[in-house]
Amino acid sequence: MNQYLVLLRGINVGGKNIIKMADLKASFEAMDFSNVMTYIQSGNVLVQSDEKDKALLTTKIEKGLSKQFNFEARVVTVLRKELSNIIRDAPDGFGKEEEKFKYDVIFLKEPLTPKEAMKSVSLREGVDTAHSGRQVLYFSRLTSRASQSRLTRIIGLPVYQNMTIRNWNTTTKLLALMEGQNG
């Protein structure tokens, strides 16, 4: 069995695409996933599947959720090993000064590459930093000047349709949950 993290885009945000986590869990179970677990309301789903083709799996999930919840579902699918590598390969010091910085991981929906995504990221000097990784961008901003950050500008860009953002604490917690499921 392969362990996957499925990150839904654009649910339970600003009163749009409201989905109860119990309904989301039931939908994944109806699609024949096992050990389904959701984490917080922002669309984080841990599943297990025999499917090894991630692109095929992603298409199956998007079609199933779109039909079930009547909106165009878009998801980023990440294998447990990939998530482990994303956390391990974070830039030096990333996530270490929570009192000084806000840390986010921008997950990219294939075929969007980190190199392409970085072209769309605008940074405010002295506030924002961004680094590309495998399948993700690592973004941090100075907490004391967070209102001046340019992270929110990315939301209005067409490329944002192929991204979903999770804060560092959520990202690391999701890996811990996956590791706990697998013993």
Protein backbone atom coordinates (compact mmCIF):
# COMPACT_ATOMS: atom_id res chain seq x y z
CA MET A 1 0.00 0.00 0.00
CA ASN A 2 1.20 3.50 -0.84
CA GLN A 3 0.55 6.33 1.58
CA TYR A 4 -0.55 9.60 0.02
CA LEU A 5 -1.27 13.09 1.23
CA VAL A 6 -4.01 14.74 -0.83
CA LEU A 7 -4.13 18.54 -0.56
CA LEU A 8 -7.35 20.08 -1.81
CA ARG A 9 -7.31 23.60 -3.18
CA GLY A 10 -9.91 26.20 -2.38
CA ILE A 11 -12.24 24.45 0.03
CA ASN A 12 -13.66 26.05 3.17
CA VAL A 13 -12.10 29.40 2.29
CA GLY A 14 -14.12 32.60 2.32
CA GLY A 15 -17.43 30.74 2.47
CA LYS A 16 -16.79 28.93 -0.81
CA ASN A 17 -16.80 25.19 -1.51
CA ILE A 18 -17.78 24.33 2.06
CA ILE A 19 -17.16 20.65 2.71
CA LYS A 20 -17.51 18.96 6.07
CA MET A 21 -14.53 16.78 6.88
CA ALA A 22 -16.80 13.80 7.65
CA ASP A 23 -18.29 14.12 4.14
CA LEU A 24 -14.84 14.45 2.61
CA LYS A 25 -13.63 11.34 4.45
CA ALA A 26 -16.72 9.39 3.31
CA SER A 27 -16.12 10.48 -0.28
CA PHE A 28 -12.57 9.11 -0.24
CA GLU A 29 -13.77 5.86 1.33
CA ALA A 30 -16.39 5.57 -1.41
CA MET A 31 -13.54 5.89 -3.95
CA ASP A 32 -11.98 2.78 -2.34
CA PHE A 33 -9.18 4.44 -0.39
CA SER A 34 -8.21 2.91 2.93
CA ASN A 35 -7.06 4.41 6.24
CA VAL A 36 -8.63 7.75 5.31
CA MET A 37 -7.93 10.57 7.76
CA THR A 38 -8.58 14.29 7.44
CA TYR A 39 -6.64 16.99 9.25
CA ILE A 40 -8.10 20.45 9.95
CA GLN A 41 -10.67 22.12 7.71
CA SER A 42 -8.38 23.23 4.89
CA GLY A 43 -8.52 20.01 2.88
CA ASN A 44 -5.72 17.75 4.04
CA VAL A 45 -6.50 14.08 3.51
CA LEU A 46 -4.26 11.11 4.29
CA VAL A 47 -5.07 7.95 2.35
CA GLN A 48 -3.64 4.61 1.37
CA SER A 49 -3.99 3.05 -2.05
CA ASP A 50 -2.54 0.24 -4.13
CA GLU A 51 -2.31 2.69 -7.05
CA LYS A 52 1.29 3.53 -7.92
CA ASP A 53 0.59 6.00 -10.75
CA LYS A 54 0.24 9.37 -8.98
CA ALA A 55 -1.13 11.17 -12.05
CA LEU A 56 -3.84 8.54 -12.51
CA LEU A 57 -4.67 8.72 -8.80
CA THR A 58 -4.89 12.53 -8.90
CA THR A 59 -7.28 12.41 -11.86
CA LYS A 60 -9.45 9.82 -10.10
CA ILE A 61 -9.65 11.98 -6.96
CA GLU A 62 -10.41 15.20 -8.85
CA LYS A 63 -13.19 13.56 -10.88
CA GLY A 64 -14.68 11.87 -7.83
CA LEU A 65 -14.66 15.02 -5.68
CA SER A 66 -15.94 17.21 -8.51
CA LYS A 67 -18.91 14.91 -9.01
CA GLN A 68 -19.60 14.45 -5.30
CA PHE A 69 -19.33 18.11 -4.24
CA ASN A 70 -20.30 19.91 -7.46
CA PHE A 71 -17.23 22.08 -7.96
CA GLU A 72 -14.07 21.76 -10.03
CA ALA A 73 -11.83 19.96 -7.56
CA ARG A 74 -8.08 20.45 -7.90
CA VAL A 75 -5.67 18.53 -5.71
CA VAL A 76 -1.98 18.10 -5.17
CA THR A 77 -1.04 14.50 -4.39
CA VAL A 78 2.14 13.78 -2.45
CA LEU A 79 3.62 10.41 -1.51
CA ARG A 80 4.73 10.01 2.10
CA LYS A 81 8.37 9.67 0.99
CA GLU A 82 8.05 12.88 -1.06
CA LEU A 83 6.65 14.75 1.95
CA SER A 84 9.48 13.43 4.10
CA ASN A 85 11.99 14.71 1.51
CA ILE A 86 10.24 18.10 1.32
CA ILE A 87 10.64 18.54 5.06
CA ARG A 88 14.17 17.15 5.17
CA ASP A 89 15.32 19.32 2.26
CA ALA A 90 13.94 22.62 3.60
CA PRO A 91 16.46 25.48 3.48
CA ASP A 92 18.77 25.80 6.49
CA GLY A 93 16.93 27.37 9.40
CA PHE A 94 13.50 27.15 7.73
CA GLY A 95 10.82 26.76 10.40
CA LYS A 96 13.27 27.38 13.23
CA GLU A 97 12.45 30.99 14.26
CA GLU A 98 8.67 30.93 14.65
CA GLU A 99 8.65 34.04 16.83
CA LYS A 100 10.35 36.02 14.05
CA PHE A 101 9.05 34.51 10.79
CA LYS A 102 5.94 32.95 9.28
CA TYR A 103 6.79 29.89 7.22
CA ASP A 104 4.75 28.42 4.36
CA VAL A 105 5.20 25.58 1.92
CA ILE A 106 3.69 26.19 -1.51
CA PHE A 107 2.86 22.77 -2.98
CA LEU A 108 2.88 22.65 -6.77
CA LYS A 109 0.46 20.71 -8.92
CA GLU A 110 2.25 18.88 -11.68
CA PRO A 111 3.23 19.75 -14.36
CA LEU A 112 4.09 23.12 -12.73
CA THR A 113 7.77 23.07 -11.78
CA PRO A 114 9.48 25.01 -9.00
CA LYS A 115 11.54 26.86 -11.62
CA GLU A 116 8.39 28.01 -13.43
CA ALA A 117 6.60 28.85 -10.19
CA MET A 118 9.51 30.99 -8.93
CA LYS A 119 9.07 33.25 -11.97
CA SER A 120 5.67 34.28 -10.55
CA VAL A 121 6.82 34.90 -6.99
CA SER A 122 7.31 38.53 -6.08
CA LEU A 123 9.36 39.27 -2.97
CA ARG A 124 9.54 42.36 -0.79
CA GLU A 125 13.16 42.94 0.20
CA GLY A 126 13.69 42.67 3.94
CA VAL A 127 10.34 40.90 4.39
CA ASP A 128 10.05 37.86 2.09
CA THR A 129 12.34 35.02 1.11
CA ALA A 130 11.55 32.14 -1.22
CA HIS A 131 13.47 29.02 -2.17
CA SER A 132 12.60 26.30 -4.63
CA GLY A 133 12.61 22.66 -3.62
CA ARG A 134 11.28 19.45 -5.09
CA GLN A 135 7.59 19.95 -5.94
CA VAL A 136 7.41 22.97 -3.60
CA LEU A 137 8.48 26.50 -2.87
CA TYR A 138 9.54 27.43 0.66
CA PHE A 139 8.30 30.90 1.57
CA SER A 140 9.02 32.86 4.73
CA ARG A 141 8.10 36.36 5.77
CA LEU A 142 9.07 38.55 8.67
CA THR A 143 6.20 38.43 11.18
CA SER A 144 6.63 42.07 12.23
CA ARG A 145 6.14 43.15 8.61
CA ALA A 146 3.85 40.35 7.41
CA SER A 147 1.24 42.85 6.19
CA GLN A 148 3.85 44.09 3.68
CA SER A 149 4.56 40.59 2.36
CA ARG A 150 3.94 39.92 -1.30
CA LEU A 151 2.81 36.32 -0.72
CA THR A 152 -0.84 37.31 -1.15
CA ARG A 153 -0.10 38.71 -4.62
CA ILE A 154 0.42 35.20 -5.93
CA ILE A 155 -3.22 34.36 -5.19
CA GLY A 156 -4.42 36.63 -8.00
CA LEU A 157 -2.16 35.08 -10.63
CA PRO A 158 -3.25 32.35 -13.08
CA VAL A 159 -0.36 30.13 -11.91
CA TYR A 160 -1.97 30.00 -8.45
CA GLN A 161 -4.54 27.53 -9.83
CA ASN A 162 -1.70 24.99 -9.74
CA MET A 163 -0.59 25.72 -6.17
CA THR A 164 -1.84 25.18 -2.65
CA ILE A 165 -0.26 26.65 0.47
CA ARG A 166 0.18 25.07 3.89
CA ASN A 167 2.02 26.57 6.82
CA TRP A 168 5.14 24.81 8.07
CA ASN A 169 3.50 23.52 11.26
CA THR A 170 0.68 21.89 9.28
CA THR A 171 3.17 20.42 6.81
CA THR A 172 5.29 18.81 9.53
CA LYS A 173 2.19 17.64 11.43
CA LEU A 174 0.88 15.90 8.29
CA LEU A 175 4.10 13.90 7.99
CA ALA A 176 3.91 12.99 11.70
CA LEU A 177 0.34 11.75 11.18
CA MET A 178 1.41 9.69 8.17
CA GLU A 179 4.27 8.16 10.12
CA GLY A 180 1.88 7.40 12.99
CA GLN A 181 -0.52 5.62 10.64
CA ASN A 182 2.26 3.44 9.34
CA GLY A 183 3.66 2.51 12.74
